[in-house]
């Protein structure tokens, strides 16, 4: 994980247009660490070009051509009828999931009873009751978000 963070910080240093000195420091175990100061033992200044990092390709004013976005000639293609059948299956799966989530929401709201949740026999301690009520609230909110996402996904289908 540390190596990932080091690499990520190294990228951030290079992504800026300002020039900074970067030191690579090696500890007794041979681990490398990149820093902006070389005050500790085992650090060496990296010899970096003083020019700024080139801008990403998206910053160029050139527009992409159809060639760059076209799929390769040997890329598998699906005929229209097969794709329509797949889209229809996908839509039906999403509709079925939506129905299940709506039924789940209805059951959760019924159990929640507008905040007047019935106490169970195993909930003699108030903390257990409060925990169950909070879990019901969270389940209701999550299910509502799932329903919204499914409706949005169904709406995005052609």
Protein backbone atom coordinates (compact mmCIF):
# COMPACT_ATOMS: atom_id res chain seq x y z
CA UNK A 1 0.00 0.00 0.00
CA UNK A 2 2.85 2.34 0.86
CA UNK A 3 4.45 1.78 -2.54
CA UNK A 4 1.13 2.64 -4.18
CA UNK A 5 0.92 5.90 -2.23
CA UNK A 6 4.52 6.71 -3.05
CA UNK A 7 3.90 6.13 -6.74
CA UNK A 8 0.73 8.18 -6.59
CA UNK A 9 2.48 11.07 -4.89
CA UNK A 10 5.27 10.78 -7.46
CA UNK A 11 2.66 11.21 -10.22
CA UNK A 12 1.17 14.25 -8.50
CA UNK A 13 4.60 15.86 -8.35
CA UNK A 14 5.07 15.36 -12.08
CA UNK A 15 1.56 16.49 -12.95
CA UNK A 16 2.21 20.01 -11.73
CA UNK A 17 3.76 22.48 -14.09
CA UNK A 18 6.10 23.89 -11.44
CA UNK A 19 9.54 22.36 -11.18
CA UNK A 20 10.51 20.88 -7.82
CA UNK A 21 13.47 18.90 -6.60
CA UNK A 22 12.72 15.27 -5.87
CA UNK A 23 14.85 12.99 -3.78
CA UNK A 24 14.77 9.21 -3.72
CA UNK A 25 15.62 7.92 -0.26
CA UNK A 26 16.57 4.31 0.43
CA UNK A 27 16.31 3.00 3.99
CA UNK A 28 18.34 0.22 5.63
CA UNK A 29 15.91 -2.42 4.30
CA UNK A 30 16.27 -1.22 0.72
CA UNK A 31 12.82 0.39 0.52
CA UNK A 32 12.64 3.47 -1.67
CA UNK A 33 10.77 6.58 -0.66
CA UNK A 34 10.30 9.74 -2.73
CA UNK A 35 10.52 13.09 -0.93
CA UNK A 36 10.83 16.78 -1.66
CA UNK A 37 13.74 17.16 0.76
CA UNK A 38 16.92 15.14 1.03
CA UNK A 39 17.89 15.89 4.60
CA UNK A 40 17.97 12.24 5.74
CA UNK A 41 20.79 9.81 5.14
CA UNK A 42 20.55 7.70 1.97
CA UNK A 43 18.75 10.31 -0.16
CA UNK A 44 19.83 11.23 -3.66
CA UNK A 45 18.56 14.01 -5.87
CA UNK A 46 16.82 12.69 -8.97
CA UNK A 47 18.04 14.12 -12.25
CA UNK A 48 14.77 15.24 -13.85
CA UNK A 49 14.24 17.27 -17.00
CA UNK A 50 13.44 20.88 -16.20
CA UNK A 51 10.71 21.11 -18.81
CA UNK A 52 7.12 20.77 -17.80
CA UNK A 53 5.24 17.54 -18.30
CA UNK A 54 3.43 17.50 -21.64
CA UNK A 55 -0.29 18.17 -21.51
CA UNK A 56 -2.61 15.18 -21.70
CA UNK A 57 -4.00 14.22 -25.09
CA UNK A 58 -7.44 15.52 -24.14
CA UNK A 59 -5.99 19.03 -23.84
CA UNK A 60 -4.97 19.06 -27.48
CA UNK A 61 -7.34 20.94 -29.75
CA UNK A 62 -7.34 18.17 -32.34
CA UNK A 63 -10.58 16.27 -32.62
CA UNK A 64 -10.57 12.51 -32.60
CA UNK A 65 -11.16 10.82 -35.91
CA UNK A 66 -13.46 7.93 -36.63
CA UNK A 67 -10.41 5.73 -37.08
CA UNK A 68 -9.37 6.15 -33.45
CA UNK A 69 -12.82 5.22 -32.12
CA UNK A 70 -13.62 2.42 -34.56
CA UNK A 71 -13.40 -1.15 -33.32
CA UNK A 72 -10.83 -3.50 -34.84
CA UNK A 73 -11.81 -5.53 -37.89
CA UNK A 74 -11.66 -8.82 -35.99
CA UNK A 75 -13.79 -7.49 -33.09
CA UNK A 76 -16.84 -9.75 -32.56
CA UNK A 77 -20.07 -8.19 -33.75
CA UNK A 78 -23.64 -8.97 -32.75
CA UNK A 79 -26.49 -8.74 -35.23
CA UNK A 80 -29.37 -6.36 -34.49
CA UNK A 81 -31.95 -9.02 -33.62
CA UNK A 82 -29.63 -10.65 -31.07
CA UNK A 83 -28.83 -7.28 -29.51
CA UNK A 84 -32.53 -6.37 -29.32
CA UNK A 85 -33.24 -9.69 -27.60
CA UNK A 86 -30.43 -9.02 -25.11
CA UNK A 87 -31.72 -5.51 -24.46
CA UNK A 88 -35.23 -6.88 -23.95
CA UNK A 89 -33.93 -9.49 -21.50
CA UNK A 90 -31.96 -6.83 -19.63
CA UNK A 91 -35.01 -4.60 -19.37
CA UNK A 92 -37.13 -7.48 -18.07
CA UNK A 93 -34.49 -8.36 -15.46
CA UNK A 94 -34.40 -4.74 -14.30
CA UNK A 95 -38.21 -4.59 -14.13
CA UNK A 96 -38.25 -7.81 -12.08
CA UNK A 97 -35.62 -6.41 -9.72
CA UNK A 98 -37.64 -3.22 -9.41
CA UNK A 99 -40.75 -5.19 -8.40
CA UNK A 100 -38.78 -7.11 -5.77
CA UNK A 101 -37.33 -3.90 -4.34
CA UNK A 102 -40.77 -2.24 -4.26
CA UNK A 103 -42.20 -5.25 -2.38
CA UNK A 104 -39.27 -5.14 0.02
CA UNK A 105 -39.83 -1.42 0.61
CA UNK A 106 -43.52 -1.99 1.27
CA UNK A 107 -42.71 -4.68 3.86
CA UNK A 108 -40.07 -2.50 5.53
CA UNK A 109 -42.43 0.47 5.75
CA UNK A 110 -45.15 -1.76 7.19
CA UNK A 111 -42.75 -3.02 9.87
CA UNK A 112 -41.48 0.53 10.53
CA UNK A 113 -45.09 1.70 10.93
CA UNK A 114 -44.26 5.39 10.64
CA UNK A 115 -41.71 5.20 13.45
CA UNK A 116 -43.99 3.27 15.81
CA UNK A 117 -42.12 -0.03 15.57
CA UNK A 118 -43.55 -2.80 17.72
CA UNK A 119 -41.23 -4.03 20.40
CA UNK A 120 -40.29 -7.72 20.28
CA UNK A 121 -39.99 -10.04 23.26
CA UNK A 122 -36.23 -10.38 22.77
CA UNK A 123 -35.76 -6.60 22.94
CA UNK A 124 -35.92 -6.05 26.69
CA UNK A 125 -32.91 -3.79 26.48
CA UNK A 126 -33.74 -0.42 24.89
CA UNK A 127 -30.48 -0.48 22.93
CA UNK A 128 -31.58 -3.55 20.95
CA UNK A 129 -34.86 -1.88 20.07
CA UNK A 130 -33.15 1.37 19.03
CA UNK A 131 -30.63 -0.60 16.96
CA UNK A 132 -33.42 -2.45 15.13
CA UNK A 133 -35.31 0.80 14.46
CA UNK A 134 -32.14 2.41 13.10
CA UNK A 135 -31.48 -0.64 10.92
CA UNK A 136 -35.03 -0.39 9.57
CA UNK A 137 -34.49 3.30 8.73
CA UNK A 138 -31.23 2.47 6.96
CA UNK A 139 -32.83 -0.44 5.07
CA UNK A 140 -35.70 1.80 3.95
CA UNK A 141 -33.31 4.50 2.74
CA UNK A 142 -31.11 1.97 0.91
CA UNK A 143 -34.11 0.31 -0.73
CA UNK A 144 -35.47 3.68 -1.87
CA UNK A 145 -32.08 4.46 -3.43
CA UNK A 146 -32.08 1.07 -5.15
CA UNK A 147 -35.53 1.77 -6.57
CA UNK A 148 -34.40 5.17 -7.85
CA UNK A 149 -31.33 3.63 -9.47
CA UNK A 150 -33.35 0.86 -11.12
CA UNK A 151 -35.90 3.37 -12.46
CA UNK A 152 -33.08 5.52 -13.79
CA UNK A 153 -31.45 2.49 -15.45
CA UNK A 154 -34.76 1.42 -17.02
CA UNK A 155 -35.28 4.99 -18.24
CA UNK A 156 -31.86 4.97 -19.91
CA UNK A 157 -32.70 1.92 -22.02
CA UNK A 158 -33.69 2.54 -25.60
